[in-house]
C-alpha atoms as a PDB file:
ATOM      1  CA  MET A   1     120.335 114.703  96.805  1.00  0.00           C
ATOM      2  CA  ILE A   2     118.280 116.371  99.497  1.00  0.00           C
ATOM      3  CA  VAL A   3     117.623 114.527 102.758  1.00  0.00           C
ATOM      4  CA  SER A   4     114.622 114.759 105.063  1.00  0.00           C
ATOM      5  CA  THR A   5     114.590 113.404 108.610  1.00  0.00           C
ATOM      6  CA  THR A   6     111.609 112.379 110.704  1.00  0.00           C
ATOM      7  CA  LYS A   7     111.805 111.510 114.390  1.00  0.00           C
ATOM      8  CA  LEU A   8     109.221 109.245 116.016  1.00  0.00           C
ATOM      9  CA  ILE A   9     108.750 107.552 119.371  1.00  0.00           C
ATOM     10  CA  THR A  10     107.570 103.977 118.953  1.00  0.00           C
ATOM     11  CA  ARG A  11     104.297 103.174 120.691  1.00  0.00           C
ATOM     12  CA  TYR A  12     103.287 100.198 122.806  1.00  0.00           C
ATOM     13  CA  TYR A  13     100.480  99.130 120.464  1.00  0.00           C
ATOM     14  CA  GLU A  14     103.038  98.781 117.645  1.00  0.00           C
ATOM     15  CA  THR A  15     104.796  95.916 119.428  1.00  0.00           C
ATOM     16  CA  ASP A  16     104.184  92.223 118.885  1.00  0.00           C
ATOM     17  CA  GLN A  17     104.134  89.353 121.363  1.00  0.00           C
ATOM     18  CA  MET A  18     107.947  89.339 121.405  1.00  0.00           C
ATOM     19  CA  GLY A  19     108.012  92.963 122.566  1.00  0.00           C
ATOM     20  CA  ILE A  20     109.494  94.345 119.354  1.00  0.00           C
ATOM     21  CA  ILE A  21     107.947  96.685 116.820  1.00  0.00           C
ATOM     22  CA  HIS A  22     105.866  94.579 114.429  1.00  0.00           C
ATOM     23  CA  HIS A  23     107.254  94.548 110.894  1.00  0.00           C
ATOM     24  CA  SER A  24     104.082  96.000 109.356  1.00  0.00           C
ATOM     25  CA  ASN A  25     104.601  99.287 111.195  1.00  0.00           C
ATOM     26  CA  TYR A  26     107.714 100.118 109.204  1.00  0.00           C
ATOM     27  CA  TYR A  27     105.560 100.807 106.155  1.00  0.00           C
ATOM     28  CA  ARG A  28     103.566 103.272 108.251  1.00  0.00           C
ATOM     29  CA  TYR A  29     106.834 104.901 109.299  1.00  0.00           C
ATOM     30  CA  PHE A  30     107.814 105.164 105.630  1.00  0.00           C
ATOM     31  CA  GLU A  31     104.506 106.874 104.864  1.00  0.00           C
ATOM     32  CA  VAL A  32     104.974 109.407 107.667  1.00  0.00           C
ATOM     33  CA  ALA A  33     108.534 110.103 106.498  1.00  0.00           C
ATOM     34  CA  ARG A  34     107.484 110.419 102.855  1.00  0.00           C
ATOM     35  CA  THR A  35     104.771 112.947 103.675  1.00  0.00           C
ATOM     36  CA  ASP A  36     107.261 114.848 105.859  1.00  0.00           C
ATOM     37  CA  TYR A  37     109.682 114.841 102.909  1.00  0.00           C
ATOM     38  CA  LEU A  38     107.095 116.484 100.672  1.00  0.00           C
ATOM     39  CA  LYS A  39     106.206 119.069 103.306  1.00  0.00           C
ATOM     40  CA  ASP A  40     109.770 119.818 104.439  1.00  0.00           C
ATOM     41  CA  ILE A  41     111.572 119.687 101.115  1.00  0.00           C
ATOM     42  CA  ILE A  42     109.079 120.978  98.546  1.00  0.00           C
ATOM     43  CA  GLY A  43     106.733 122.818 100.889  1.00  0.00           C
ATOM     44  CA  MET A  44     103.614 120.857  99.943  1.00  0.00           C
ATOM     45  CA  THR A  45     101.534 118.489 102.006  1.00  0.00           C
ATOM     46  CA  TYR A  46     100.344 115.295 100.368  1.00  0.00           C
ATOM     47  CA  LYS A  47      96.877 116.887 100.421  1.00  0.00           C
ATOM     48  CA  ASP A  48      98.301 119.806  98.393  1.00  0.00           C
ATOM     49  CA  VAL A  49      99.646 117.315  95.849  1.00  0.00           C
ATOM     50  CA  GLU A  50      96.231 115.628  95.680  1.00  0.00           C
ATOM     51  CA  ASN A  51      94.512 119.008  95.310  1.00  0.00           C
ATOM     52  CA  ALA A  52      96.791 119.606  92.303  1.00  0.00           C
ATOM     53  CA  GLY A  53      95.194 116.504  90.744  1.00  0.00           C
ATOM     54  CA  VAL A  54      98.170 114.190  91.289  1.00  0.00           C
ATOM     55  CA  ARG A  55      98.170 110.871  93.096  1.00  0.00           C
ATOM     56  CA  MET A  56     101.215 108.769  93.980  1.00  0.00           C
ATOM     57  CA  PRO A  57      99.983 105.182  94.419  1.00  0.00           C
ATOM     58  CA  LEU A  58     102.429 102.639  95.765  1.00  0.00           C
ATOM     59  CA  THR A  59     103.770 100.292  93.090  1.00  0.00           C
ATOM     60  CA  GLU A  60     106.522  98.510  94.993  1.00  0.00           C
ATOM     61  CA  THR A  61     107.927  98.269  98.479  1.00  0.00           C
ATOM     62  CA  HIS A  62     110.724  96.522 100.307  1.00  0.00           C
ATOM     63  CA  CYS A  63     112.125  96.581 103.835  1.00  0.00           C
ATOM     64  CA  LYS A  64     115.216  94.906 105.257  1.00  0.00           C
ATOM     65  CA  TYR A  65     115.199  94.626 109.031  1.00  0.00           C
ATOM     66  CA  LYS A  66     118.564  94.829 110.782  1.00  0.00           C
ATOM     67  CA  VAL A  67     117.954  95.110 114.544  1.00  0.00           C
ATOM     68  CA  PRO A  68     114.640  95.398 116.375  1.00  0.00           C
ATOM     69  CA  ALA A  69     113.132  98.616 117.576  1.00  0.00           C
ATOM     70  CA  LEU A  70     111.369  98.348 120.925  1.00  0.00           C
ATOM     71  CA  TYR A  71     108.554 100.160 122.676  1.00  0.00           C
ATOM     72  CA  ASP A  72     109.424 103.784 123.481  1.00  0.00           C
ATOM     73  CA  ASP A  73     112.495 103.856 121.238  1.00  0.00           C
ATOM     74  CA  GLU A  74     113.157 107.129 119.494  1.00  0.00           C
ATOM     75  CA  ILE A  75     113.794 106.392 115.854  1.00  0.00           C
ATOM     76  CA  THR A  76     114.930 108.610 113.017  1.00  0.00           C
ATOM     77  CA  ILE A  77     113.794 107.948 109.468  1.00  0.00           C
ATOM     78  CA  THR A  78     116.044 109.501 106.838  1.00  0.00           C
ATOM     79  CA  THR A  79     114.309 109.861 103.483  1.00  0.00           C
ATOM     80  CA  THR A  80     115.832 110.529 100.071  1.00  0.00           C
ATOM     81  CA  VAL A  81     114.713 110.161  96.483  1.00  0.00           C
ATOM     82  CA  ARG A  82     116.660 107.406  94.732  1.00  0.00           C
ATOM     83  CA  GLU A  83     115.197 107.981  91.293  1.00  0.00           C
ATOM     84  CA  MET A  84     112.580 110.102  89.625  1.00  0.00           C
ATOM     85  CA  THR A  85     111.260 110.095  86.083  1.00  0.00           C
ATOM     86  CA  VAL A  86     108.237 111.780  84.551  1.00  0.00           C
ATOM     87  CA  VAL A  87     106.087 108.746  85.444  1.00  0.00           C
ATOM     88  CA  ARG A  88     107.412 107.494  88.811  1.00  0.00           C
ATOM     89  CA  ILE A  89     109.411 108.258  91.928  1.00  0.00           C
ATOM     90  CA  ILE A  90     111.369 105.928  94.227  1.00  0.00           C
ATOM     91  CA  PHE A  91     112.091 106.825  97.858  1.00  0.00           C
ATOM     92  CA  ASP A  92     114.796 105.293 100.070  1.00  0.00           C
ATOM     93  CA  TYR A  93     114.486 105.150 103.853  1.00  0.00           C
ATOM     94  CA  VAL A  94     117.015 104.470 106.589  1.00  0.00           C
ATOM     95  CA  ILE A  95     115.748 103.985 110.137  1.00  0.00           C
ATOM     96  CA  THR A  96     118.149 104.368 113.056  1.00  0.00           C
ATOM     97  CA  ARG A  97     117.664 104.081 116.803  1.00  0.00           C
ATOM     98  CA  ALA A  98     118.587 107.161 118.849  1.00  0.00           C
ATOM     99  CA  ARG A  99     119.766 105.397 122.014  1.00  0.00           C
ATOM    100  CA  ASP A 100     122.688 103.680 120.281  1.00  0.00           C
ATOM    101  CA  GLY A 101     122.684 104.824 116.648  1.00  0.00           C
ATOM    102  CA  ALA A 102     121.941 101.276 115.455  1.00  0.00           C
ATOM    103  CA  LEU A 103     120.690 100.729 111.935  1.00  0.00           C
ATOM    104  CA  VAL A 104     117.181  99.341 112.480  1.00  0.00           C
ATOM    105  CA  ALA A 105     115.927  98.993 108.908  1.00  0.00           C
ATOM    106  CA  GLU A 106     116.369 100.094 105.313  1.00  0.00           C
ATOM    107  CA  GLY A 107     113.511 100.351 102.885  1.00  0.00           C
ATOM    108  CA  VAL A 108     112.270 101.451  99.505  1.00  0.00           C
ATOM    109  CA  THR A 109     108.906 102.522  98.131  1.00  0.00           C
ATOM    110  CA  GLY A 110     108.110 103.118  94.483  1.00  0.00           C
ATOM    111  CA  HIS A 111     105.193 105.247  93.341  1.00  0.00           C
ATOM    112  CA  ALA A 112     103.549 105.991  90.018  1.00  0.00           C
ATOM    113  CA  PHE A 113     102.239 109.426  89.149  1.00  0.00           C
ATOM    114  CA  THR A 114      98.532 109.250  88.285  1.00  0.00           C
ATOM    115  CA  ASN A 115      95.599 111.596  87.916  1.00  0.00           C
ATOM    116  CA  VAL A 116      92.537 111.502  90.164  1.00  0.00           C
ATOM    117  CA  GLU A 117      91.114 108.630  88.075  1.00  0.00           C
ATOM    118  CA  ASN A 118      94.308 106.657  88.809  1.00  0.00           C
ATOM    119  CA  LYS A 119      95.378 106.826  85.173  1.00  0.00           C
ATOM    120  CA  PRO A 120      99.154 107.106  84.662  1.00  0.00           C
ATOM    121  CA  ILE A 121     100.380 110.577  83.776  1.00  0.00           C
ATOM    122  CA  ASN A 122     103.556 112.236  82.598  1.00  0.00           C
ATOM    123  CA  LEU A 123     104.043 114.566  85.562  1.00  0.00           C
ATOM    124  CA  LYS A 124     106.218 116.962  83.578  1.00  0.00           C
ATOM    125  CA  LYS A 125     103.390 117.521  81.086  1.00  0.00           C
ATOM    126  CA  PHE A 126     100.572 117.319  83.636  1.00  0.00           C
ATOM    127  CA  ASN A 127     102.018 119.670  86.280  1.00  0.00           C
ATOM    128  CA  LEU A 128     105.370 121.183  85.339  1.00  0.00           C
ATOM    129  CA  GLY A 129     105.712 123.127  88.603  1.00  0.00           C
ATOM    130  CA  LEU A 130     105.300 120.053  90.801  1.00  0.00           C
ATOM    131  CA  TYR A 131     107.597 118.049  88.543  1.00  0.00           C
ATOM    132  CA  GLN A 132     110.319 120.714  88.812  1.00  0.00           C
ATOM    133  CA  GLN A 133     110.012 120.914  92.624  1.00  0.00           C
ATOM    134  CA  LEU A 134     110.339 117.144  93.010  1.00  0.00           C
ATOM    135  CA  PHE A 135     113.076 116.948  90.392  1.00  0.00           C
ATOM    136  CA  ASN A 136     115.126 119.681  92.064  1.00  0.00           C
ATOM    137  CA  ALA A 137     114.770 117.938  95.427  1.00  0.00           C
ATOM    138  CA  ALA A 138     115.783 114.593  93.934  1.00  0.00           C
ATOM    139  CA  TYR A 139     118.717 115.769  91.856  1.00  0.00           C
ATOM    140  CA  ASP A 140     119.579 119.239  93.188  1.00  0.00           C
ATOM    141  CA  GLY A 141     118.604 120.390  89.678  1.00  0.00           C
ATOM    142  CA  SER A 142     121.783 118.776  88.320  1.00  0.00           C
ATOM    143  CA  LEU A 143     120.326 116.257  85.863  1.00  0.00           C
ATOM    144  CA  GLU A 144     117.681 116.342  83.190  1.00  0.00           C
ATOM    145  CA  LYS A 145     115.466 113.298  82.842  1.00  0.00           C
END
């Protein structure tokens, strides 16, 4: 399993009336981390993936909040691939706070592989090169699915 890390500084506008980062922002953090994963680990931006005719629409998401992040906290989002098949990919995220190492949140997003018309595809058949890059990142090339 290959790990990608993204560091962010939380912004004032992301806070709620209680002074903590609003829960909806965590899904934005996941998106930033996921696009960093693609760029850092397989060397492709999400735009590159789209230009290859592949879309990855969200099919499921979950976040468990542990301790609040506050304005101006530095957070680290660690991203891994939990599972990948020819038709979907599931990412795991762990968010920690730099000032004390606290576990802030854990989350998951699941994505289908589709073409530009949002029709499901078998990525291995549709774009073998992209499939192999993602597969190798997810499983270090050690499994065949």
